[in-house]
């Protein structure tokens, strides 16, 4: 993914935090952020694993 995709996703998560926190659903954006960061970690690990010669 390109840098602007990451920035857009982070901005959407921040907007969701502010809009849903007062309603009582503040945990939902944090869950989405955790899933997003987990996805990025797995992709980076796979890319790192492919670049190294085992």
PDB file of N, CA and C in Angstrom:
ATOM      1  N   UNK A   1       0.841  -1.179   0.000  1.00  0.00           N
ATOM      2  CA  UNK A   1       0.000   0.000   0.000  1.00  0.00           C
ATOM      3  C   UNK A   1       0.882   1.237   0.000  1.00  0.00           C
ATOM      4  N   UNK A   2       0.377   2.248  -0.603  1.00  0.00           N
ATOM      5  CA  UNK A   2       1.124   3.488  -0.663  1.00  0.00           C
ATOM      6  C   UNK A   2       0.931   4.288   0.623  1.00  0.00           C
ATOM      7  N   UNK A   3       1.776   5.269   0.810  1.00  0.00           N
ATOM      8  CA  UNK A   3       1.761   6.065   2.035  1.00  0.00           C
ATOM      9  C   UNK A   3       0.431   6.783   2.215  1.00  0.00           C
ATOM     10  N   UNK A   4      -0.153   7.303   1.133  1.00  0.00           N
ATOM     11  CA  UNK A   4      -1.406   8.037   1.292  1.00  0.00           C
ATOM     12  C   UNK A   4      -2.557   7.120   1.721  1.00  0.00           C
ATOM     13  N   UNK A   5      -2.481   5.827   1.396  1.00  0.00           N
ATOM     14  CA  UNK A   5      -3.496   4.887   1.885  1.00  0.00           C
ATOM     15  C   UNK A   5      -3.396   4.733   3.399  1.00  0.00           C
ATOM     16  N   UNK A   6      -2.169   4.623   3.902  1.00  0.00           N
ATOM     17  CA  UNK A   6      -1.972   4.488   5.341  1.00  0.00           C
ATOM     18  C   UNK A   6      -2.448   5.737   6.077  1.00  0.00           C
ATOM     19  N   UNK A   7      -2.118   6.890   5.542  1.00  0.00           N
ATOM     20  CA  UNK A   7      -2.530   8.145   6.170  1.00  0.00           C
ATOM     21  C   UNK A   7      -4.048   8.269   6.170  1.00  0.00           C
ATOM     22  N   UNK A   8      -4.691   7.901   5.082  1.00  0.00           N
ATOM     23  CA  UNK A   8      -6.145   7.966   4.994  1.00  0.00           C
ATOM     24  C   UNK A   8      -6.804   7.032   6.016  1.00  0.00           C
ATOM     25  N   UNK A   9      -6.288   5.832   6.153  1.00  0.00           N
ATOM     26  CA  UNK A   9      -6.847   4.880   7.113  1.00  0.00           C
ATOM     27  C   UNK A   9      -6.676   5.396   8.538  1.00  0.00           C
ATOM     28  N   UNK A  10      -5.531   5.960   8.859  1.00  0.00           N
ATOM     29  CA  UNK A  10      -5.295   6.496  10.196  1.00  0.00           C
ATOM     30  C   UNK A  10      -6.215   7.679  10.473  1.00  0.00           C
ATOM     31  N   UNK A  11      -6.431   8.537   9.497  1.00  0.00           N
ATOM     32  CA  UNK A  11      -7.341   9.676   9.681  1.00  0.00           C
ATOM     33  C   UNK A  11      -8.771   9.191   9.911  1.00  0.00           C
ATOM     34  N   UNK A  12      -9.204   8.186   9.163  1.00  0.00           N
ATOM     35  CA  UNK A  12     -10.553   7.644   9.346  1.00  0.00           C
ATOM     36  C   UNK A  12     -10.696   7.040  10.738  1.00  0.00           C
ATOM     37  N   UNK A  13      -9.685   6.343  11.211  1.00  0.00           N
ATOM     38  CA  UNK A  13      -9.739   5.756  12.551  1.00  0.00           C
ATOM     39  C   UNK A  13      -9.818   6.847  13.614  1.00  0.00           C
ATOM     40  N   UNK A  14      -9.064   7.930  13.453  1.00  0.00           N
ATOM     41  CA  UNK A  14      -9.109   9.036  14.415  1.00  0.00           C
ATOM     42  C   UNK A  14     -10.481   9.702  14.407  1.00  0.00           C
ATOM     43  N   UNK A  15     -11.053   9.895  13.222  1.00  0.00           N
ATOM     44  CA  UNK A  15     -12.401  10.484  13.133  1.00  0.00           C
ATOM     45  C   UNK A  15     -13.423   9.564  13.800  1.00  0.00           C
ATOM     46  N   UNK A  16     -13.290   8.264  13.588  1.00  0.00           N
ATOM     47  CA  UNK A  16     -14.205   7.314  14.230  1.00  0.00           C
ATOM     48  C   UNK A  16     -14.065   7.334  15.746  1.00  0.00           C
ATOM     49  N   UNK A  17     -12.842   7.496  16.240  1.00  0.00           N
ATOM     50  CA  UNK A  17     -12.643   7.564  17.688  1.00  0.00           C
ATOM     51  C   UNK A  17     -13.396   8.751  18.263  1.00  0.00           C
ATOM     52  N   UNK A  18     -13.239   9.924  17.644  1.00  0.00           N
ATOM     53  CA  UNK A  18     -13.903  11.115  18.166  1.00  0.00           C
ATOM     54  C   UNK A  18     -15.422  11.035  18.016  1.00  0.00           C
ATOM     55  N   UNK A  19     -15.903  10.468  16.928  1.00  0.00           N
ATOM     56  CA  UNK A  19     -17.350  10.445  16.715  1.00  0.00           C
ATOM     57  C   UNK A  19     -18.049   9.344  17.514  1.00  0.00           C
ATOM     58  N   UNK A  20     -17.404   8.217  17.748  1.00  0.00           N
ATOM     59  CA  UNK A  20     -18.047   7.106  18.436  1.00  0.00           C
ATOM     60  C   UNK A  20     -17.752   7.051  19.929  1.00  0.00           C
ATOM     61  N   UNK A  21     -16.777   7.817  20.399  1.00  0.00           N
ATOM     62  CA  UNK A  21     -16.408   7.743  21.810  1.00  0.00           C
ATOM     63  C   UNK A  21     -17.522   8.275  22.707  1.00  0.00           C
ATOM     64  N   UNK A  22     -18.156   9.366  22.297  1.00  0.00           N
ATOM     65  CA  UNK A  22     -19.226   9.941  23.102  1.00  0.00           C
ATOM     66  C   UNK A  22     -20.471   9.080  23.142  1.00  0.00           C
ATOM     67  N   UNK A  23     -20.682   8.277  22.123  1.00  0.00           N
ATOM     68  CA  UNK A  23     -21.866   7.420  22.033  1.00  0.00           C
ATOM     69  C   UNK A  23     -21.681   6.147  22.858  1.00  0.00           C
ATOM     70  N   UNK A  24     -20.452   5.824  23.174  1.00  0.00           N
ATOM     71  CA  UNK A  24     -20.193   4.617  23.952  1.00  0.00           C
ATOM     72  C   UNK A  24     -19.573   3.494  23.152  1.00  0.00           C
ATOM     73  N   UNK A  25     -19.254   3.765  21.912  1.00  0.00           N
ATOM     74  CA  UNK A  25     -18.627   2.748  21.061  1.00  0.00           C
ATOM     75  C   UNK A  25     -17.172   3.088  20.773  1.00  0.00           C
ATOM     76  N   UNK A  26     -16.479   3.622  21.751  1.00  0.00           N
ATOM     77  CA  UNK A  26     -15.093   4.044  21.561  1.00  0.00           C
ATOM     78  C   UNK A  26     -14.132   2.900  21.330  1.00  0.00           C
ATOM     79  N   UNK A  27     -14.514   1.688  21.717  1.00  0.00           N
ATOM     80  CA  UNK A  27     -13.622   0.544  21.553  1.00  0.00           C
ATOM     81  C   UNK A  27     -13.571   0.054  20.105  1.00  0.00           C
ATOM     82  N   UNK A  28     -14.587   0.361  19.324  1.00  0.00           N
ATOM     83  CA  UNK A  28     -14.643  -0.134  17.941  1.00  0.00           C
ATOM     84  C   UNK A  28     -13.490   0.417  17.097  1.00  0.00           C
ATOM     85  N   UNK A  29     -13.222   1.736  17.100  1.00  0.00           N
ATOM     86  CA  UNK A  29     -12.088   2.223  16.314  1.00  0.00           C
ATOM     87  C   UNK A  29     -10.742   1.673  16.797  1.00  0.00           C
ATOM     88  N   UNK A  30     -10.622   1.454  18.118  1.00  0.00           N
ATOM     89  CA  UNK A  30      -9.378   0.878  18.622  1.00  0.00           C
ATOM     90  C   UNK A  30      -9.222  -0.570  18.156  1.00  0.00           C
ATOM     91  N   UNK A  31     -10.321  -1.290  18.057  1.00  0.00           N
ATOM     92  CA  UNK A  31     -10.283  -2.642  17.517  1.00  0.00           C
ATOM     93  C   UNK A  31      -9.873  -2.614  16.048  1.00  0.00           C
ATOM     94  N   UNK A  32     -10.439  -1.679  15.283  1.00  0.00           N
ATOM     95  CA  UNK A  32     -10.053  -1.541  13.875  1.00  0.00           C
ATOM     96  C   UNK A  32      -8.582  -1.170  13.742  1.00  0.00           C
ATOM     97  N   UNK A  33      -8.101  -0.293  14.617  1.00  0.00           N
ATOM     98  CA  UNK A  33      -6.690   0.086  14.582  1.00  0.00           C
ATOM     99  C   UNK A  33      -5.793  -1.106  14.903  1.00  0.00           C
ATOM    100  N   UNK A  34      -6.199  -1.920  15.868  1.00  0.00           N
ATOM    101  CA  UNK A  34      -5.413  -3.109  16.219  1.00  0.00           C
ATOM    102  C   UNK A  34      -5.377  -4.096  15.059  1.00  0.00           C
ATOM    103  N   UNK A  35      -6.516  -4.287  14.399  1.00  0.00           N
ATOM    104  CA  UNK A  35      -6.548  -5.180  13.238  1.00  0.00           C
ATOM    105  C   UNK A  35      -5.678  -4.655  12.106  1.00  0.00           C
ATOM    106  N   UNK A  36      -5.731  -3.358  11.878  1.00  0.00           N
ATOM    107  CA  UNK A  36      -4.924  -2.732  10.827  1.00  0.00           C
ATOM    108  C   UNK A  36      -3.432  -2.884  11.120  1.00  0.00           C
ATOM    109  N   UNK A  37      -3.030  -2.611  12.368  1.00  0.00           N
ATOM    110  CA  UNK A  37      -1.622  -2.739  12.719  1.00  0.00           C
ATOM    111  C   UNK A  37      -1.171  -4.202  12.685  1.00  0.00           C
ATOM    112  N   UNK A  38      -2.060  -5.116  13.057  1.00  0.00           N
ATOM    113  CA  UNK A  38      -1.730  -6.534  12.947  1.00  0.00           C
ATOM    114  C   UNK A  38      -1.537  -6.962  11.506  1.00  0.00           C
ATOM    115  N   UNK A  39      -2.404  -6.484  10.632  1.00  0.00           N
ATOM    116  CA  UNK A  39      -2.277  -6.776   9.204  1.00  0.00           C
ATOM    117  C   UNK A  39      -0.956  -6.247   8.651  1.00  0.00           C
ATOM    118  N   UNK A  40      -0.611  -5.006   9.031  1.00  0.00           N
ATOM    119  CA  UNK A  40       0.657  -4.432   8.579  1.00  0.00           C
ATOM    120  C   UNK A  40       1.847  -5.223   9.098  1.00  0.00           C
ATOM    121  N   UNK A  41       1.772  -5.662  10.328  1.00  0.00           N
ATOM    122  CA  UNK A  41       2.878  -6.436  10.907  1.00  0.00           C
ATOM    123  C   UNK A  41       3.074  -7.757  10.179  1.00  0.00           C
ATOM    124  N   UNK A  42       1.987  -8.428   9.882  1.00  0.00           N
ATOM    125  CA  UNK A  42       2.087  -9.704   9.164  1.00  0.00           C
ATOM    126  C   UNK A  42       2.668  -9.485   7.772  1.00  0.00           C
ATOM    127  N   UNK A  43       2.204  -8.451   7.076  1.00  0.00           N
ATOM    128  CA  UNK A  43       2.718  -8.180   5.728  1.00  0.00           C
ATOM    129  C   UNK A  43       4.199  -7.832   5.754  1.00  0.00           C
ATOM    130  N   UNK A  44       4.617  -7.018   6.720  1.00  0.00           N
ATOM    131  CA  UNK A  44       6.033  -6.657   6.827  1.00  0.00           C
ATOM    132  C   UNK A  44       6.879  -7.873   7.178  1.00  0.00           C
ATOM    133  N   UNK A  45       6.378  -8.734   8.056  1.00  0.00           N
ATOM    134  CA  UNK A  45       7.123  -9.939   8.404  1.00  0.00           C
ATOM    135  C   UNK A  45       7.274 -10.856   7.200  1.00  0.00           C
ATOM    136  N   UNK A  46       6.220 -10.996   6.398  1.00  0.00           N
ATOM    137  CA  UNK A  46       6.307 -11.828   5.200  1.00  0.00           C
ATOM    138  C   UNK A  46       7.309 -11.245   4.212  1.00  0.00           C
ATOM    139  N   UNK A  47       7.298  -9.923   4.074  1.00  0.00           N
ATOM    140  CA  UNK A  47       8.246  -9.287   3.159  1.00  0.00           C
ATOM    141  C   UNK A  47       9.670  -9.437   3.665  1.00  0.00           C
ATOM    142  N   UNK A  48       9.862  -9.317   4.985  1.00  0.00           N
ATOM    143  CA  UNK A  48      11.183  -9.499   5.579  1.00  0.00           C
ATOM    144  C   UNK A  48      11.658 -10.930   5.406  1.00  0.00           C
ATOM    145  N   UNK A  49      10.740 -11.886   5.577  1.00  0.00           N
ATOM    146  CA  UNK A  49      11.088 -13.283   5.454  1.00  0.00           C
ATOM    147  C   UNK A  49      11.493 -13.619   4.026  1.00  0.00           C
ATOM    148  N   UNK A  50      10.832 -13.023   3.043  1.00  0.00           N
ATOM    149  CA  UNK A  50      11.173 -13.283   1.640  1.00  0.00           C
ATOM    150  C   UNK A  50      12.503 -12.655   1.261  1.00  0.00           C
ATOM    151  N   UNK A  51      12.843 -11.523   1.882  1.00  0.00           N
ATOM    152  CA  UNK A  51      14.075 -10.845   1.518  1.00  0.00           C
ATOM    153  C   UNK A  51      15.304 -11.548   2.088  1.00  0.00           C
ATOM    154  N   UNK A  52      15.119 -12.221   3.225  1.00  0.00           N
ATOM    155  CA  UNK A  52      16.240 -12.963   3.816  1.00  0.00           C
ATOM    156  C   UNK A  52      16.343 -14.335   3.170  1.00  0.00           C
ATOM    157  N   UNK A  53      17.549 -14.800   3.045  1.00  0.00           N
ATOM    158  CA  UNK A  53      17.773 -16.158   2.506  1.00  0.00           C
ATOM    159  C   UNK A  53      17.904 -17.112   3.671  1.00  0.00           C
ATOM    160  N   UNK A  54      16.918 -17.955   3.910  1.00  0.00           N
ATOM    161  CA  UNK A  54      16.951 -18.889   5.044  1.00  0.00           C
ATOM    162  C   UNK A  54      17.792 -20.063   4.713  1.00  0.00           C
TER     163      UNK A  54
END
